[in-house]
Protein backbone atom coordinates (compact mmCIF):
# COMPACT_ATOMS: atom_id res chain seq x y z
CA MET A 1 0.00 0.00 0.00
CA TYR A 2 2.78 2.43 0.93
CA LEU A 3 4.70 1.66 -2.26
CA ALA A 4 1.60 2.32 -4.32
CA LEU A 5 1.07 5.63 -2.52
CA LEU A 6 4.71 6.62 -3.08
CA LEU A 7 4.50 5.79 -6.78
CA ALA A 8 1.30 7.79 -7.06
CA LEU A 9 2.95 10.80 -5.43
CA MET A 10 5.95 10.51 -7.73
CA ALA A 11 3.86 10.20 -10.90
CA THR A 12 4.10 13.16 -13.26
CA PRO A 13 1.02 14.06 -15.31
CA GLU A 14 1.45 13.53 -19.04
CA LYS A 15 1.59 16.85 -20.89
CA ILE A 16 -0.83 16.92 -23.80
CA ILE A 17 -2.27 19.18 -26.47
CA ILE A 18 -5.81 18.36 -27.63
CA ASP A 19 -6.29 18.76 -31.39
CA THR A 20 -10.03 18.70 -32.00
CA ASP A 21 -13.02 19.59 -34.20
CA PRO A 22 -15.73 20.28 -31.62
CA GLY A 23 -19.32 20.98 -32.49
CA ASP A 24 -21.99 22.01 -29.99
CA PHE A 25 -21.00 19.71 -27.10
CA THR A 26 -20.10 16.80 -29.35
CA ASP A 27 -17.99 13.83 -28.26
CA ASP A 28 -14.93 16.07 -28.63
CA CYS A 29 -16.25 18.29 -25.86
CA VAL A 30 -16.83 15.35 -23.53
CA ALA A 31 -13.25 14.21 -24.21
CA ILE A 32 -11.95 17.69 -23.38
CA VAL A 33 -13.86 17.67 -20.08
CA MET A 34 -12.48 14.23 -19.23
CA CYS A 35 -8.89 15.33 -19.80
CA LEU A 36 -9.30 18.57 -17.85
CA ARG A 37 -10.77 16.68 -14.90
CA SER A 38 -7.88 14.20 -14.70
CA PRO A 39 -5.02 16.42 -13.45
CA GLN A 40 -3.31 13.51 -11.70
CA HIS A 41 -2.88 11.88 -15.12
CA LEU A 42 -2.89 14.70 -17.66
CA LYS A 43 -1.80 18.31 -17.93
CA VAL A 44 -3.63 19.99 -20.82
CA LEU A 45 -1.35 22.69 -22.25
CA GLY A 46 -3.78 23.90 -24.87
CA ILE A 47 -6.46 23.13 -27.43
CA THR A 48 -6.08 23.49 -31.18
CA THR A 49 -9.14 23.42 -33.43
CA VAL A 50 -9.47 21.95 -36.91
CA SER A 51 -12.35 21.86 -39.36
CA GLY A 52 -14.36 18.66 -39.32
CA ASN A 53 -17.60 18.33 -37.35
CA ALA A 54 -17.78 22.12 -37.55
CA TRP A 55 -15.55 24.70 -39.17
CA ALA A 56 -12.45 25.45 -37.10
CA VAL A 57 -13.57 29.03 -36.39
CA GLU A 58 -16.81 27.70 -34.90
CA GLY A 59 -14.79 25.06 -33.04
CA VAL A 60 -12.90 27.76 -31.15
CA GLN A 61 -16.17 29.03 -29.70
CA TYR A 62 -17.41 25.53 -28.85
CA ALA A 63 -14.10 24.72 -27.16
CA LYS A 64 -14.27 27.91 -25.10
CA GLU A 65 -17.86 27.13 -24.08
CA THR A 66 -16.72 23.69 -22.96
CA LEU A 67 -13.93 25.23 -20.88
CA GLY A 68 -16.52 27.44 -19.24
CA LEU A 69 -18.72 24.47 -18.37
CA ALA A 70 -15.71 22.67 -16.90
CA LYS A 71 -14.55 25.83 -15.08
CA ALA A 72 -11.11 25.49 -16.64
CA SER A 73 -8.76 27.83 -18.44
CA VAL A 74 -6.30 26.76 -21.14
CA PRO A 75 -5.41 28.54 -24.40
CA VAL A 76 -7.48 27.74 -27.50
CA HIS A 77 -5.84 28.21 -30.91
CA LEU A 78 -7.53 28.38 -34.29
CA GLY A 79 -6.19 25.76 -36.68
CA ALA A 80 -6.77 24.57 -40.23
CA GLN A 81 -9.92 26.10 -41.67
CA ARG A 82 -10.05 23.67 -44.59
CA PRO A 83 -8.57 20.25 -45.42
CA LEU A 84 -5.33 19.90 -47.37
CA ARG A 85 -7.16 19.05 -50.60
CA HIS A 86 -10.69 17.81 -49.94
CA THR A 87 -13.58 20.16 -50.73
CA ALA A 88 -17.34 20.05 -50.42
CA GLU A 89 -17.57 20.16 -54.22
CA GLN A 90 -15.26 17.17 -54.59
CA SER A 91 -17.25 15.18 -52.03
CA LEU A 92 -20.22 15.21 -54.41
CA LYS A 93 -18.18 12.99 -56.76
CA GLU A 94 -17.40 10.35 -54.15
CA GLY A 95 -20.71 8.53 -53.96
CA PRO A 96 -23.23 8.51 -51.09
CA ILE A 97 -22.09 10.37 -47.97
CA GLU A 98 -23.76 9.58 -44.66
CA PHE A 99 -22.26 12.50 -42.71
CA ALA A 100 -20.54 15.50 -44.31
CA GLY A 101 -19.79 17.51 -41.17
CA ALA A 102 -18.74 21.10 -41.86
CA PHE A 103 -19.08 20.55 -45.61
CA ALA A 104 -22.85 20.74 -45.12
CA ARG A 105 -22.56 24.26 -43.68
CA LYS A 106 -21.46 27.61 -45.06
CA ARG A 107 -17.78 28.23 -44.34
CA PRO A 108 -17.10 31.34 -42.19
CA ALA A 109 -14.73 34.06 -43.27
CA GLN A 110 -11.06 33.19 -42.89
CA GLN A 111 -9.30 34.26 -39.71
CA LYS A 112 -5.67 34.25 -38.61
CA GLU A 113 -4.54 30.76 -37.62
CA THR A 114 -2.23 30.17 -34.66
CA ALA A 115 -2.53 26.42 -33.99
CA VAL A 116 0.50 25.14 -35.92
CA ASP A 117 2.71 27.90 -34.46
CA PHE A 118 1.51 26.91 -30.99
CA LEU A 119 2.27 23.25 -31.66
CA ILE A 120 5.74 24.12 -32.94
CA GLN A 121 6.57 26.38 -30.00
CA SER A 122 5.29 23.83 -27.50
CA LEU A 123 7.27 20.96 -29.02
CA GLU A 124 10.41 23.06 -29.23
CA ARG A 125 10.21 23.51 -25.46
CA GLU A 126 9.62 19.87 -24.50
CA PRO A 127 8.38 16.48 -25.74
CA LEU A 128 4.59 16.19 -25.67
CA THR A 129 1.66 13.92 -26.37
CA ILE A 130 -1.01 14.94 -28.87
CA LEU A 131 -4.60 13.77 -28.47
CA ALA A 132 -5.91 14.07 -32.03
CA ILE A 133 -9.69 13.68 -32.08
CA GLY A 134 -10.53 15.46 -35.34
CA PRO A 135 -9.21 15.41 -38.90
CA LEU A 136 -5.40 15.42 -38.88
CA THR A 137 -4.87 18.59 -40.93
CA ASN A 138 -3.04 20.54 -38.21
CA ILE A 139 -0.69 17.65 -37.48
CA ALA A 140 0.08 17.11 -41.18
CA ARG A 141 0.87 20.81 -41.59
CA LEU A 142 3.06 20.72 -38.49
CA LEU A 143 5.05 17.78 -39.92
CA GLU A 144 5.35 19.49 -43.30
CA ARG A 145 6.74 22.68 -41.78
CA ARG A 146 8.92 21.05 -39.16
CA PRO A 147 9.56 17.35 -39.92
CA ASP A 148 12.24 17.34 -37.24
CA LEU A 149 9.59 17.80 -34.56
CA ALA A 150 8.14 14.33 -35.22
CA ALA A 151 10.85 13.14 -32.82
CA LYS A 152 9.49 15.45 -30.10
CA ILE A 153 6.00 13.96 -30.25
CA GLN A 154 6.15 11.31 -27.53
CA ARG A 155 3.01 9.73 -28.87
CA ILE A 156 -0.08 10.70 -30.80
CA VAL A 157 -3.39 9.15 -29.77
CA ILE A 158 -5.81 9.36 -32.68
CA MET A 159 -9.53 8.76 -32.95
CA GLY A 160 -10.06 7.96 -36.60
CA GLY A 161 -10.15 5.41 -39.36
CA ASN A 162 -11.73 2.00 -39.70
CA VAL A 163 -9.64 -1.12 -40.18
CA ARG A 164 -11.98 -4.13 -40.42
CA VAL A 165 -15.42 -2.53 -40.24
CA GLY A 166 -17.40 -0.18 -42.47
CA GLY A 167 -17.25 3.60 -42.36
CA ASN A 168 -19.60 6.22 -40.97
CA ALA A 169 -18.99 9.14 -43.35
CA SER A 170 -19.14 6.89 -46.39
CA LYS A 171 -19.53 3.13 -46.58
CA ALA A 172 -15.74 2.83 -46.80
CA ALA A 173 -14.38 5.59 -44.56
CA GLU A 174 -14.60 6.94 -41.01
CA PHE A 175 -15.41 10.67 -40.82
CA ASN A 176 -12.14 12.13 -39.45
CA PHE A 177 -10.05 10.33 -42.07
CA TRP A 178 -12.60 10.99 -44.84
CA PHE A 179 -12.69 14.73 -44.19
CA ASP A 180 -8.93 15.00 -44.83
CA PRO A 181 -7.48 11.75 -46.19
CA GLU A 182 -4.23 13.36 -47.32
CA ALA A 183 -3.56 14.57 -43.77
CA ALA A 184 -4.36 11.17 -42.27
CA GLN A 185 -2.01 9.55 -44.77
CA ALA A 186 0.80 11.99 -43.91
CA VAL A 187 0.48 11.27 -40.19
CA LEU A 188 0.29 7.48 -40.55
CA ARG A 189 3.34 7.57 -42.85
CA SER A 190 5.27 9.84 -40.46
CA PRO A 191 8.15 8.69 -38.23
CA ILE A 192 6.31 9.60 -35.02
CA ARG A 193 7.56 6.92 -32.64
CA GLU A 194 4.23 5.89 -31.19
CA LYS A 195 0.95 6.21 -33.06
CA VAL A 196 -2.09 4.89 -31.19
CA LEU A 197 -5.28 4.55 -33.22
CA PHE A 198 -8.85 4.28 -31.93
CA PRO A 199 -10.73 3.28 -35.10
CA LEU A 200 -14.41 2.52 -35.51
CA ASP A 201 -13.53 -1.12 -34.81
CA ILE A 202 -13.26 -0.38 -31.08
CA CYS A 203 -15.69 2.55 -30.99
CA ASN A 204 -18.46 0.32 -32.37
CA GLN A 205 -18.18 -1.65 -29.12
CA ALA A 206 -19.10 1.47 -27.08
CA PHE A 207 -22.83 1.34 -27.72
CA VAL A 208 -24.77 4.16 -25.99
CA THR A 209 -28.40 3.60 -25.00
CA LYS A 210 -31.06 5.50 -23.03
CA LYS A 211 -29.85 3.63 -19.93
CA HIS A 212 -26.36 5.10 -20.34
CA PHE A 213 -27.86 8.52 -21.05
CA ASP A 214 -29.89 8.36 -17.84
CA GLU A 215 -26.81 7.44 -15.81
CA LEU A 216 -24.83 10.32 -17.29
CA THR A 217 -27.58 12.86 -16.61
CA ALA A 218 -28.74 11.64 -13.20
CA VAL A 219 -26.42 14.13 -11.49
CA LYS A 220 -27.26 17.71 -12.47
CA THR A 221 -24.18 19.78 -13.31
CA PRO A 222 -23.53 22.35 -16.07
CA VAL A 223 -21.75 19.62 -18.06
CA THR A 224 -24.46 16.98 -17.73
CA GLU A 225 -27.25 19.47 -18.37
CA LYS A 226 -25.57 20.54 -21.61
CA TYR A 227 -25.05 16.89 -22.56
CA ALA A 228 -28.71 16.16 -21.78
CA LYS A 229 -29.83 18.98 -24.06
CA ILE A 230 -27.65 17.97 -27.00
CA ALA A 231 -27.79 14.16 -26.77
CA GLY A 232 -31.41 14.30 -25.69
CA ASN A 233 -32.76 16.53 -28.45
CA GLY A 234 -30.08 16.29 -31.14
CA TYR A 235 -28.01 13.18 -31.82
CA PRO A 236 -28.86 10.46 -30.81
CA GLY A 237 -32.10 12.05 -29.49
CA PHE A 238 -32.80 9.99 -26.36
CA LEU A 239 -35.49 12.35 -25.08
CA LYS A 240 -37.40 12.12 -28.35
CA ASP A 241 -36.86 8.39 -28.86
CA PRO A 242 -35.99 6.19 -25.84
CA LYS A 243 -34.95 3.44 -28.27
CA ALA A 244 -32.33 5.65 -29.94
CA THR A 245 -28.71 4.50 -29.89
CA GLY A 246 -25.33 6.10 -30.38
CA PHE A 247 -21.63 5.49 -29.79
CA PHE A 248 -18.72 6.88 -27.83
CA TRP A 249 -15.82 7.88 -30.08
CA ASP A 250 -13.43 10.58 -28.89
CA GLU A 251 -14.30 9.77 -25.28
CA LEU A 252 -12.51 6.41 -25.64
CA ALA A 253 -9.25 8.00 -26.76
CA ALA A 254 -9.40 10.34 -23.75
CA ALA A 255 -10.24 7.47 -21.40
CA TYR A 256 -7.21 5.57 -22.69
CA LEU A 257 -4.88 8.41 -21.71
CA ILE A 258 -6.39 8.28 -18.23
CA ASP A 259 -6.47 4.48 -17.96
CA PRO A 260 -4.84 2.29 -20.66
CA GLY A 261 -6.61 -0.66 -19.02
CA ILE A 262 -9.79 0.13 -20.95
CA VAL A 263 -8.15 -1.59 -23.95
CA GLN A 264 -8.20 -5.38 -23.94
CA GLY A 265 -6.70 -6.08 -27.35
CA GLU A 266 -4.51 -4.35 -29.91
CA GLU A 267 -2.41 -5.07 -32.98
CA SER A 268 0.61 -3.32 -34.48
CA LEU A 269 -0.14 -2.72 -38.16
CA PRO A 270 1.50 -0.77 -41.01
CA LEU A 271 -1.37 1.40 -42.26
CA ASP A 272 -2.00 3.82 -45.08
CA VAL A 273 -5.00 5.80 -46.35
CA GLU A 274 -6.68 5.75 -49.76
CA THR A 275 -6.35 9.20 -51.38
CA ARG A 276 -7.72 8.44 -54.85
CA VAL A 277 -10.99 10.30 -55.30
CA GLY A 278 -13.88 7.87 -55.40
CA PRO A 279 -16.10 5.80 -53.12
CA ARG A 280 -13.13 4.54 -51.06
CA TYR A 281 -11.59 7.99 -50.49
CA GLY A 282 -10.35 8.12 -46.89
CA ALA A 283 -10.46 4.37 -46.26
CA VAL A 284 -7.67 2.74 -44.24
CA VAL A 285 -5.57 0.29 -46.24
CA ALA A 286 -2.52 -1.85 -45.55
CA SER A 287 0.82 -0.14 -46.17
CA LYS A 288 3.56 -1.66 -48.27
CA ASP A 289 6.15 1.03 -47.59
CA GLY A 290 7.46 -0.23 -44.26
CA GLN A 291 6.82 2.90 -42.20
CA VAL A 292 6.50 2.93 -38.41
CA PRO A 293 3.54 0.65 -37.57
CA THR A 294 0.46 2.00 -35.83
CA ARG A 295 -0.83 0.53 -32.57
CA VAL A 296 -4.46 -0.23 -33.43
CA MET A 297 -6.82 -0.54 -30.47
CA LEU A 298 -9.34 -3.30 -31.14
CA GLY A 299 -10.72 -4.75 -27.87
CA LEU A 300 -12.59 -2.68 -25.29
CA ASP A 301 -13.44 -3.13 -21.61
CA TYR A 302 -16.62 -1.13 -22.03
CA PRO A 303 -17.81 -1.13 -18.38
CA LYS A 304 -14.44 0.28 -17.30
CA ALA A 305 -14.43 2.90 -20.06
CA PHE A 306 -18.01 3.95 -19.31
CA GLU A 307 -17.26 4.31 -15.62
CA HIS A 308 -14.49 6.80 -16.41
CA ILE A 309 -16.82 8.75 -18.71
CA ARG A 310 -19.62 8.76 -16.14
CA ARG A 311 -17.37 9.69 -13.22
CA LEU A 312 -15.69 12.59 -15.01
CA MET A 313 -18.84 13.97 -16.62
CA THR A 314 -20.81 14.00 -13.35
CA GLU A 315 -18.01 15.47 -11.24
CA ARG A 316 -19.14 18.63 -9.45
């Protein structure tokens, strides 16, 4: 017992930057709250936004609202306001799209971006972990500008892609990778020493029902009341349809940083991303180039993961 206490006292929180595409209290926002409320494990140095669920400019406001709900203060930096190559017009040539994210909305006027500069300055000071829970545009641009800083990224934990299951943006591709396939390809091909991927394969095991919703909203706090409003009336819509279902996505990547024990199975795989325009644009494929393999998380201890989500969301 005393040894465990000593080790706990000696433990240093992992320094992270959260790269995210938050909408109005989407899964990204829950992940942000979880990280902020785990100071014994994580020290959040800042948040960088990227276009995906919403446009990056809108994401800045959603991130700041989330910080207010969590009563926390960290810098928020505007990042990539468009993908490297993908456009809404191009997406019309790719076949049926189930979820287009920001492409379905009018793009706001361009503003000055500071996210990549912030990432560079932070990594120049010290090695860091990046929690990447949106399209990987900011990270790809960072690596393009400063390829030497790949060695300063201790690890990157990514929610994105689909390895052995279907997609959720298109039949072939997961949304974060589909929104910017070229960026996802650049990151998976990069020499970052440890790439940890939470694809749809594991997220599909985190099935959310009205029972889970009720447990998350049983305690009334600013965070849970906001979650109740969005998940209750928007997606999945539990207050309108008690039989509705959803999934946890970004929350699992955050939970892993807090407790790696939520993962019960993984494989180390060399991965690439399809960047030819067509119905498989953004799909994960096997790599033949011999780059650093990606640790793919495949098995989930869902009760343990949900307990972390519930505990951190309902914290007063």
